[in-house]
Amino acid sequence: MENKTGKYFKYALGEIILVVIGILFALQINNWNQQRVQNKEEHRALINLKLDFDYNYITLDSIITRTEKSIALQTTILNHTGNKPRPKTEIEFDRAINALAALSVYFPKNGYLNDLLNSGKLDILKNTNLRNRLSSWNSVLINIKDKERNVEDQIDKFYDIMHKRGSWLNLDEVATISVLTNDPLPRSGFDIDNRHLLDLIEFENTTENIIFQNRSVLIRQKLGLDLIREIKELLEKEIKE
């Protein structure tokens, strides 16, 4: 009886060990499968984010170039206000004054990042530094949009001056946008030279405010470009690994 009991105990113990090993093995396989799925999901997220931020970088870099050119052209106006020498031709001045209404609004691709943030799935990205940079992107973008609105407010004041004291047709005659170059408007029926705006302190103040606000938005744009560059580098590193 003792021999039978011992054999039975050993047999039962062996069965328990086999069951435990089987359970552990099944759990391990399940963990491997889950990890494989998570890795695939992370890789897909990295690729999609890379595509979006490649676009965001190219777009913002182009806008920064246009903003810098606008500021340079706008600044030339202040060299001629009040008692300073007038521009040699009205055409030269009208080209500069057109730049006062120039604002390239930034529209990035944020769809995939917003989906990750709204669904709480940003944690699928293992790199903590990358997650932190992505989390800060929307706040940087909000800052850019706020500064853009400040520029728009000053441009509205410029529009008001032009409506009352200047000639839009004179400006449109030297404009480079396709809607006007392909189908030009008639010349103004008024004998008016927009250079008389240079005698208005209101015009000088509005010009200065537009330049100031454009410089502010340019600072935010460059900070945004730096952040995008960091995000792109981290994304590229994670994709390679």
C-alpha atoms as a PDB file:
ATOM      1  CA  MET A   1       0.000   0.000   0.000  1.00  0.00           C
ATOM      2  CA  GLU A   2       2.826   2.385   0.869  1.00  0.00           C
ATOM      3  CA  ASN A   3       4.500   1.669  -2.490  1.00  0.00           C
ATOM      4  CA  LYS A   4       1.211   2.252  -4.345  1.00  0.00           C
ATOM      5  CA  THR A   5       0.538   5.460  -2.453  1.00  0.00           C
ATOM      6  CA  GLY A   6       4.047   6.734  -3.190  1.00  0.00           C
ATOM      7  CA  LYS A   7       3.699   5.912  -6.863  1.00  0.00           C
ATOM      8  CA  TYR A   8       0.288   7.586  -7.001  1.00  0.00           C
ATOM      9  CA  PHE A   9       1.661  10.693  -5.260  1.00  0.00           C
ATOM     10  CA  LYS A  10       4.567  10.889  -7.677  1.00  0.00           C
ATOM     11  CA  TYR A  11       2.212  10.415 -10.612  1.00  0.00           C
ATOM     12  CA  ALA A  12      -0.163  13.134  -9.357  1.00  0.00           C
ATOM     13  CA  LEU A  13       2.747  15.466  -8.685  1.00  0.00           C
ATOM     14  CA  GLY A  14       4.049  14.863 -12.188  1.00  0.00           C
ATOM     15  CA  GLU A  15       0.617  15.609 -13.620  1.00  0.00           C
ATOM     16  CA  ILE A  16       0.432  18.871 -11.664  1.00  0.00           C
ATOM     17  CA  ILE A  17       3.900  19.887 -12.850  1.00  0.00           C
ATOM     18  CA  LEU A  18       2.956  19.135 -16.465  1.00  0.00           C
ATOM     19  CA  VAL A  19      -0.256  21.168 -16.126  1.00  0.00           C
ATOM     20  CA  VAL A  20       1.644  24.101 -14.596  1.00  0.00           C
ATOM     21  CA  ILE A  21       4.284  23.936 -17.334  1.00  0.00           C
ATOM     22  CA  GLY A  22       1.514  23.832 -19.940  1.00  0.00           C
ATOM     23  CA  ILE A  23      -0.187  26.875 -18.404  1.00  0.00           C
ATOM     24  CA  LEU A  24       3.085  28.796 -18.219  1.00  0.00           C
ATOM     25  CA  PHE A  25       3.924  27.858 -21.784  1.00  0.00           C
ATOM     26  CA  ALA A  26       0.470  28.986 -22.968  1.00  0.00           C
ATOM     27  CA  LEU A  27       0.846  32.265 -21.090  1.00  0.00           C
ATOM     28  CA  GLN A  28       4.254  32.797 -22.615  1.00  0.00           C
ATOM     29  CA  ILE A  29       2.905  32.178 -26.114  1.00  0.00           C
ATOM     30  CA  ASN A  30       0.044  34.582 -25.391  1.00  0.00           C
ATOM     31  CA  ASN A  31       2.521  37.208 -24.176  1.00  0.00           C
ATOM     32  CA  TRP A  32       4.621  36.719 -27.301  1.00  0.00           C
ATOM     33  CA  ASN A  33       1.550  37.148 -29.488  1.00  0.00           C
ATOM     34  CA  GLN A  34       0.455  40.261 -27.603  1.00  0.00           C
ATOM     35  CA  GLN A  35       3.952  41.704 -27.844  1.00  0.00           C
ATOM     36  CA  ARG A  36       4.059  40.938 -31.562  1.00  0.00           C
ATOM     37  CA  VAL A  37       0.708  42.683 -32.071  1.00  0.00           C
ATOM     38  CA  GLN A  38       1.855  45.672 -30.009  1.00  0.00           C
ATOM     39  CA  ASN A  39       5.105  45.872 -31.948  1.00  0.00           C
ATOM     40  CA  LYS A  40       3.221  45.869 -35.237  1.00  0.00           C
ATOM     41  CA  GLU A  41       0.814  48.519 -33.923  1.00  0.00           C
ATOM     42  CA  GLU A  42       3.720  50.671 -32.720  1.00  0.00           C
ATOM     43  CA  HIS A  43       5.529  50.321 -36.046  1.00  0.00           C
ATOM     44  CA  ARG A  44       2.392  51.346 -37.931  1.00  0.00           C
ATOM     45  CA  ALA A  45       2.007  54.357 -35.622  1.00  0.00           C
ATOM     46  CA  LEU A  46       5.640  55.363 -36.140  1.00  0.00           C
ATOM     47  CA  ILE A  47       5.294  55.197 -39.938  1.00  0.00           C
ATOM     48  CA  ASN A  48       2.087  57.242 -39.988  1.00  0.00           C
ATOM     49  CA  LEU A  49       3.480  59.842 -37.592  1.00  0.00           C
ATOM     50  CA  LYS A  50       6.634  60.087 -39.705  1.00  0.00           C
ATOM     51  CA  LEU A  51       4.571  60.763 -42.842  1.00  0.00           C
ATOM     52  CA  ASP A  52       2.563  63.478 -41.068  1.00  0.00           C
ATOM     53  CA  PHE A  53       5.565  65.214 -39.542  1.00  0.00           C
ATOM     54  CA  ASP A  54       7.542  65.074 -42.783  1.00  0.00           C
ATOM     55  CA  TYR A  55       4.667  67.033 -44.313  1.00  0.00           C
ATOM     56  CA  ASN A  56       4.487  69.357 -41.296  1.00  0.00           C
ATOM     57  CA  TYR A  57       8.196  70.128 -41.547  1.00  0.00           C
ATOM     58  CA  ILE A  58       8.184  70.903 -45.277  1.00  0.00           C
ATOM     59  CA  THR A  59       5.067  73.063 -44.961  1.00  0.00           C
ATOM     60  CA  LEU A  60       6.235  75.062 -41.952  1.00  0.00           C
ATOM     61  CA  ASP A  61       9.735  75.546 -43.397  1.00  0.00           C
ATOM     62  CA  SER A  62       8.164  77.023 -46.533  1.00  0.00           C
ATOM     63  CA  ILE A  63       5.895  79.305 -44.489  1.00  0.00           C
ATOM     64  CA  ILE A  64       8.869  80.565 -42.456  1.00  0.00           C
ATOM     65  CA  THR A  65      10.638  81.538 -45.681  1.00  0.00           C
ATOM     66  CA  ARG A  66       7.562  83.456 -46.872  1.00  0.00           C
ATOM     67  CA  THR A  67       7.139  85.144 -43.476  1.00  0.00           C
ATOM     68  CA  GLU A  68      10.761  86.320 -43.494  1.00  0.00           C
ATOM     69  CA  LYS A  69      10.375  87.738 -47.007  1.00  0.00           C
ATOM     70  CA  SER A  70       7.154  89.525 -46.023  1.00  0.00           C
ATOM     71  CA  ILE A  71       8.780  91.082 -42.952  1.00  0.00           C
ATOM     72  CA  ALA A  72      11.748  92.298 -45.020  1.00  0.00           C
ATOM     73  CA  LEU A  73       9.432  93.902 -47.588  1.00  0.00           C
ATOM     74  CA  GLN A  74       7.138  95.390 -44.948  1.00  0.00           C
ATOM     75  CA  THR A  75      10.100  96.930 -43.135  1.00  0.00           C
ATOM     76  CA  THR A  76      11.108  98.888 -46.246  1.00  0.00           C
ATOM     77  CA  ILE A  77       7.853 100.874 -45.903  1.00  0.00           C
ATOM     78  CA  LEU A  78       9.029 102.367 -42.617  1.00  0.00           C
ATOM     79  CA  ASN A  79      12.029 103.833 -44.450  1.00  0.00           C
ATOM     80  CA  HIS A  80       9.643 106.213 -46.264  1.00  0.00           C
ATOM     81  CA  THR A  81       7.014 107.356 -43.736  1.00  0.00           C
ATOM     82  CA  GLY A  82       6.538 110.927 -42.549  1.00  0.00           C
ATOM     83  CA  ASN A  83       9.444 113.222 -43.491  1.00  0.00           C
ATOM     84  CA  LYS A  84      11.599 110.422 -44.921  1.00  0.00           C
ATOM     85  CA  PRO A  85      12.294 110.214 -48.685  1.00  0.00           C
ATOM     86  CA  ARG A  86       9.468 108.782 -50.804  1.00  0.00           C
ATOM     87  CA  PRO A  87       9.822 105.587 -52.891  1.00  0.00           C
ATOM     88  CA  LYS A  88      10.894 106.431 -56.448  1.00  0.00           C
ATOM     89  CA  THR A  89       7.737 104.963 -58.000  1.00  0.00           C
ATOM     90  CA  GLU A  90       4.241 104.136 -56.824  1.00  0.00           C
ATOM     91  CA  ILE A  91       4.643 100.621 -58.280  1.00  0.00           C
ATOM     92  CA  GLU A  92       7.622 100.019 -55.988  1.00  0.00           C
ATOM     93  CA  PHE A  93       5.550 101.158 -53.017  1.00  0.00           C
ATOM     94  CA  ASP A  94       2.438  99.186 -54.032  1.00  0.00           C
ATOM     95  CA  ARG A  95       4.493  95.978 -54.193  1.00  0.00           C
ATOM     96  CA  ALA A  96       5.746  96.613 -50.664  1.00  0.00           C
ATOM     97  CA  ILE A  97       2.313  97.539 -49.355  1.00  0.00           C
ATOM     98  CA  ASN A  98       0.847  94.309 -50.767  1.00  0.00           C
ATOM     99  CA  ALA A  99       3.113  92.478 -48.333  1.00  0.00           C
ATOM    100  CA  LEU A 100       1.243  94.051 -45.405  1.00  0.00           C
ATOM    101  CA  ALA A 101      -1.724  91.808 -46.168  1.00  0.00           C
ATOM    102  CA  ALA A 102       0.447  88.705 -46.596  1.00  0.00           C
ATOM    103  CA  LEU A 103      -0.043  85.984 -44.001  1.00  0.00           C
ATOM    104  CA  SER A 104       0.636  82.321 -44.677  1.00  0.00           C
ATOM    105  CA  VAL A 105      -1.548  80.435 -42.215  1.00  0.00           C
ATOM    106  CA  TYR A 106      -0.126  77.103 -41.052  1.00  0.00           C
ATOM    107  CA  PHE A 107      -2.291  74.001 -41.395  1.00  0.00           C
ATOM    108  CA  PRO A 108      -0.385  70.891 -40.231  1.00  0.00           C
ATOM    109  CA  LYS A 109      -1.444  67.264 -40.466  1.00  0.00           C
ATOM    110  CA  ASN A 110      -2.399  66.217 -36.936  1.00  0.00           C
ATOM    111  CA  GLY A 111      -4.999  63.534 -37.578  1.00  0.00           C
ATOM    112  CA  TYR A 112      -3.015  60.452 -36.580  1.00  0.00           C
ATOM    113  CA  LEU A 113      -1.429  62.089 -33.531  1.00  0.00           C
ATOM    114  CA  ASN A 114      -4.814  63.364 -32.338  1.00  0.00           C
ATOM    115  CA  ASP A 115      -6.278  59.872 -32.732  1.00  0.00           C
ATOM    116  CA  LEU A 116      -3.532  58.459 -30.512  1.00  0.00           C
ATOM    117  CA  LEU A 117      -4.014  61.195 -27.926  1.00  0.00           C
ATOM    118  CA  ASN A 118      -7.819  61.013 -27.892  1.00  0.00           C
ATOM    119  CA  SER A 119      -7.860  57.210 -27.663  1.00  0.00           C
ATOM    120  CA  GLY A 120      -5.197  57.119 -24.953  1.00  0.00           C
ATOM    121  CA  LYS A 121      -2.974  54.962 -27.168  1.00  0.00           C
ATOM    122  CA  LEU A 122       0.087  57.181 -27.173  1.00  0.00           C
ATOM    123  CA  ASP A 123       1.595  54.687 -24.701  1.00  0.00           C
ATOM    124  CA  ILE A 124       2.084  52.177 -27.517  1.00  0.00           C
ATOM    125  CA  LEU A 125       5.195  54.228 -28.281  1.00  0.00           C
ATOM    126  CA  LYS A 126       7.940  52.880 -26.043  1.00  0.00           C
ATOM    127  CA  ASN A 127      10.254  55.891 -26.306  1.00  0.00           C
ATOM    128  CA  THR A 128       9.371  58.232 -23.424  1.00  0.00           C
ATOM    129  CA  ASN A 129      11.220  61.157 -24.981  1.00  0.00           C
ATOM    130  CA  LEU A 130       9.230  60.753 -28.187  1.00  0.00           C
ATOM    131  CA  ARG A 131       5.934  60.618 -26.297  1.00  0.00           C
ATOM    132  CA  ASN A 132       6.824  63.805 -24.412  1.00  0.00           C
ATOM    133  CA  ARG A 133       7.741  65.648 -27.623  1.00  0.00           C
ATOM    134  CA  LEU A 134       4.529  64.550 -29.332  1.00  0.00           C
ATOM    135  CA  SER A 135       2.462  65.566 -26.300  1.00  0.00           C
ATOM    136  CA  SER A 136       3.925  69.086 -26.426  1.00  0.00           C
ATOM    137  CA  TRP A 137       3.263  69.591 -30.158  1.00  0.00           C
ATOM    138  CA  ASN A 138      -0.355  70.753 -29.808  1.00  0.00           C
ATOM    139  CA  SER A 139       0.553  73.450 -27.283  1.00  0.00           C
ATOM    140  CA  VAL A 140       3.265  74.769 -29.629  1.00  0.00           C
ATOM    141  CA  LEU A 141       0.757  74.768 -32.492  1.00  0.00           C
ATOM    142  CA  ILE A 142      -1.815  76.648 -30.385  1.00  0.00           C
ATOM    143  CA  ASN A 143       0.838  79.285 -29.706  1.00  0.00           C
ATOM    144  CA  ILE A 144       1.483  79.685 -33.438  1.00  0.00           C
ATOM    145  CA  LYS A 145      -2.253  80.019 -34.155  1.00  0.00           C
ATOM    146  CA  ASP A 146      -2.633  82.654 -31.416  1.00  0.00           C
ATOM    147  CA  LYS A 147       0.135  84.740 -32.967  1.00  0.00           C
ATOM    148  CA  GLU A 148      -1.398  84.326 -36.414  1.00  0.00           C
ATOM    149  CA  ARG A 149      -4.658  85.790 -35.099  1.00  0.00           C
ATOM    150  CA  ASN A 150      -2.748  88.787 -33.730  1.00  0.00           C
ATOM    151  CA  VAL A 151      -1.347  89.412 -37.216  1.00  0.00           C
ATOM    152  CA  GLU A 152      -4.829  89.072 -38.715  1.00  0.00           C
ATOM    153  CA  ASP A 153      -6.159  91.696 -36.282  1.00  0.00           C
ATOM    154  CA  GLN A 154      -3.534  94.188 -37.467  1.00  0.00           C
ATOM    155  CA  ILE A 155      -4.157  93.326 -41.125  1.00  0.00           C
ATOM    156  CA  ASP A 156      -7.837  94.172 -40.549  1.00  0.00           C
ATOM    157  CA  LYS A 157      -6.739  97.654 -39.456  1.00  0.00           C
ATOM    158  CA  PHE A 158      -4.653  97.966 -42.629  1.00  0.00           C
ATOM    159  CA  TYR A 159      -7.710  96.962 -44.682  1.00  0.00           C
ATOM    160  CA  ASP A 160      -9.728  99.673 -42.969  1.00  0.00           C
ATOM    161  CA  ILE A 161      -7.150 102.323 -43.919  1.00  0.00           C
ATOM    162  CA  MET A 162      -7.046 101.095 -47.515  1.00  0.00           C
ATOM    163  CA  HIS A 163     -10.842 101.081 -47.817  1.00  0.00           C
ATOM    164  CA  LYS A 164     -10.978 104.718 -46.723  1.00  0.00           C
ATOM    165  CA  ARG A 165      -7.766 106.276 -48.042  1.00  0.00           C
ATOM    166  CA  GLY A 166      -6.095 104.022 -50.627  1.00  0.00           C
ATOM    167  CA  SER A 167      -6.685 102.280 -53.950  1.00  0.00           C
ATOM    168  CA  TRP A 168      -7.047  98.517 -53.998  1.00  0.00           C
ATOM    169  CA  LEU A 169      -7.033  98.528 -57.806  1.00  0.00           C
ATOM    170  CA  ASN A 170      -3.572 100.107 -57.768  1.00  0.00           C
ATOM    171  CA  LEU A 171      -2.377  97.314 -55.484  1.00  0.00           C
ATOM    172  CA  ASP A 172      -4.064  94.623 -57.564  1.00  0.00           C
ATOM    173  CA  GLU A 173      -2.292  95.920 -60.655  1.00  0.00           C
ATOM    174  CA  VAL A 174       1.073  94.805 -59.267  1.00  0.00           C
ATOM    175  CA  ALA A 175      -0.191  91.745 -57.362  1.00  0.00           C
ATOM    176  CA  THR A 176       1.296  88.358 -58.206  1.00  0.00           C
ATOM    177  CA  ILE A 177      -1.564  86.058 -57.179  1.00  0.00           C
ATOM    178  CA  SER A 178      -2.863  83.978 -60.075  1.00  0.00           C
ATOM    179  CA  VAL A 179      -6.504  85.059 -59.716  1.00  0.00           C
ATOM    180  CA  LEU A 180      -5.413  88.599 -60.663  1.00  0.00           C
ATOM    181  CA  THR A 181      -2.542  87.919 -63.073  1.00  0.00           C
ATOM    182  CA  ASN A 182      -4.667  85.503 -65.135  1.00  0.00           C
ATOM    183  CA  ASP A 183      -7.693  87.796 -65.153  1.00  0.00           C
ATOM    184  CA  PRO A 184      -6.558  91.364 -64.381  1.00  0.00           C
ATOM    185  CA  LEU A 185      -9.007  94.012 -63.166  1.00  0.00           C
ATOM    186  CA  PRO A 186      -9.465  97.432 -64.812  1.00  0.00           C
ATOM    187  CA  ARG A 187      -7.348 100.386 -63.711  1.00  0.00           C
ATOM    188  CA  SER A 188      -8.682 102.680 -61.013  1.00  0.00           C
ATOM    189  CA  GLY A 189     -10.945 105.491 -62.159  1.00  0.00           C
ATOM    190  CA  PHE A 190      -9.459 107.803 -59.538  1.00  0.00           C
ATOM    191  CA  ASP A 191      -6.292 109.819 -59.875  1.00  0.00           C
ATOM    192  CA  ILE A 192      -4.705 108.520 -56.688  1.00  0.00           C
ATOM    193  CA  ASP A 193      -1.199 107.611 -55.624  1.00  0.00           C
ATOM    194  CA  ASN A 194      -0.985 105.236 -52.665  1.00  0.00           C
ATOM    195  CA  ARG A 195       2.230 106.904 -51.559  1.00  0.00           C
ATOM    196  CA  HIS A 196       0.144 109.582 -49.846  1.00  0.00           C
ATOM    197  CA  LEU A 197      -0.536 106.929 -47.144  1.00  0.00           C
ATOM    198  CA  LEU A 198       3.046 107.503 -45.992  1.00  0.00           C
ATOM    199  CA  ASP A 199       1.926 110.846 -44.552  1.00  0.00           C
ATOM    200  CA  LEU A 200      -0.534 109.150 -42.174  1.00  0.00           C
ATOM    201  CA  ILE A 201       0.693 108.300 -38.666  1.00  0.00           C
ATOM    202  CA  GLU A 202      -2.109 105.737 -38.508  1.00  0.00           C
ATOM    203  CA  PHE A 203      -0.616 103.957 -41.505  1.00  0.00           C
ATOM    204  CA  GLU A 204       2.888 104.012 -40.012  1.00  0.00           C
ATOM    205  CA  ASN A 205       1.599 102.635 -36.697  1.00  0.00           C
ATOM    206  CA  THR A 206      -0.375  99.879 -38.401  1.00  0.00           C
ATOM    207  CA  THR A 207       2.642  98.919 -40.507  1.00  0.00           C
ATOM    208  CA  GLU A 208       4.848  98.743 -37.409  1.00  0.00           C
ATOM    209  CA  ASN A 209       2.275  96.626 -35.569  1.00  0.00           C
ATOM    210  CA  ILE A 210       2.004  94.187 -38.469  1.00  0.00           C
ATOM    211  CA  ILE A 211       5.795  93.816 -38.563  1.00  0.00           C
ATOM    212  CA  PHE A 212       5.948  93.355 -34.785  1.00  0.00           C
ATOM    213  CA  GLN A 213       3.238  90.674 -34.799  1.00  0.00           C
ATOM    214  CA  ASN A 214       4.814  88.931 -37.791  1.00  0.00           C
ATOM    215  CA  ARG A 215       8.128  88.784 -35.949  1.00  0.00           C
ATOM    216  CA  SER A 216       6.318  87.228 -32.992  1.00  0.00           C
ATOM    217  CA  VAL A 217       4.681  84.587 -35.151  1.00  0.00           C
ATOM    218  CA  LEU A 218       8.046  83.931 -36.845  1.00  0.00           C
ATOM    219  CA  ILE A 219       9.629  83.159 -33.458  1.00  0.00           C
ATOM    220  CA  ARG A 220       6.853  80.658 -32.695  1.00  0.00           C
ATOM    221  CA  GLN A 221       7.121  79.144 -36.165  1.00  0.00           C
ATOM    222  CA  LYS A 222      10.850  78.543 -35.728  1.00  0.00           C
ATOM    223  CA  LEU A 223      10.271  76.951 -32.310  1.00  0.00           C
ATOM    224  CA  GLY A 224       7.681  74.709 -33.936  1.00  0.00           C
ATOM    225  CA  LEU A 225      10.118  73.752 -36.695  1.00  0.00           C
ATOM    226  CA  ASP A 226      12.760  72.855 -34.100  1.00  0.00           C
ATOM    227  CA  LEU A 227      10.272  70.603 -32.303  1.00  0.00           C
ATOM    228  CA  ILE A 228       9.235  68.915 -35.552  1.00  0.00           C
ATOM    229  CA  ARG A 229      12.900  68.296 -36.350  1.00  0.00           C
ATOM    230  CA  GLU A 230      13.366  66.598 -32.952  1.00  0.00           C
ATOM    231  CA  ILE A 231      10.226  64.498 -33.439  1.00  0.00           C
ATOM    232  CA  LYS A 232      11.332  63.419 -36.922  1.00  0.00           C
ATOM    233  CA  GLU A 233      14.760  62.356 -35.657  1.00  0.00           C
ATOM    234  CA  LEU A 234      13.223  60.313 -32.824  1.00  0.00           C
ATOM    235  CA  LEU A 235      10.716  58.716 -35.188  1.00  0.00           C
ATOM    236  CA  GLU A 236      13.432  57.764 -37.667  1.00  0.00           C
ATOM    237  CA  LYS A 237      15.523  56.233 -34.897  1.00  0.00           C
ATOM    238  CA  GLU A 238      12.614  54.168 -33.558  1.00  0.00           C
ATOM    239  CA  ILE A 239      11.625  52.963 -37.020  1.00  0.00           C
ATOM    240  CA  LYS A 240      15.180  51.732 -37.702  1.00  0.00           C
ATOM    241  CA  GLU A 241      15.304  49.901 -34.375  1.00  0.00           C
END
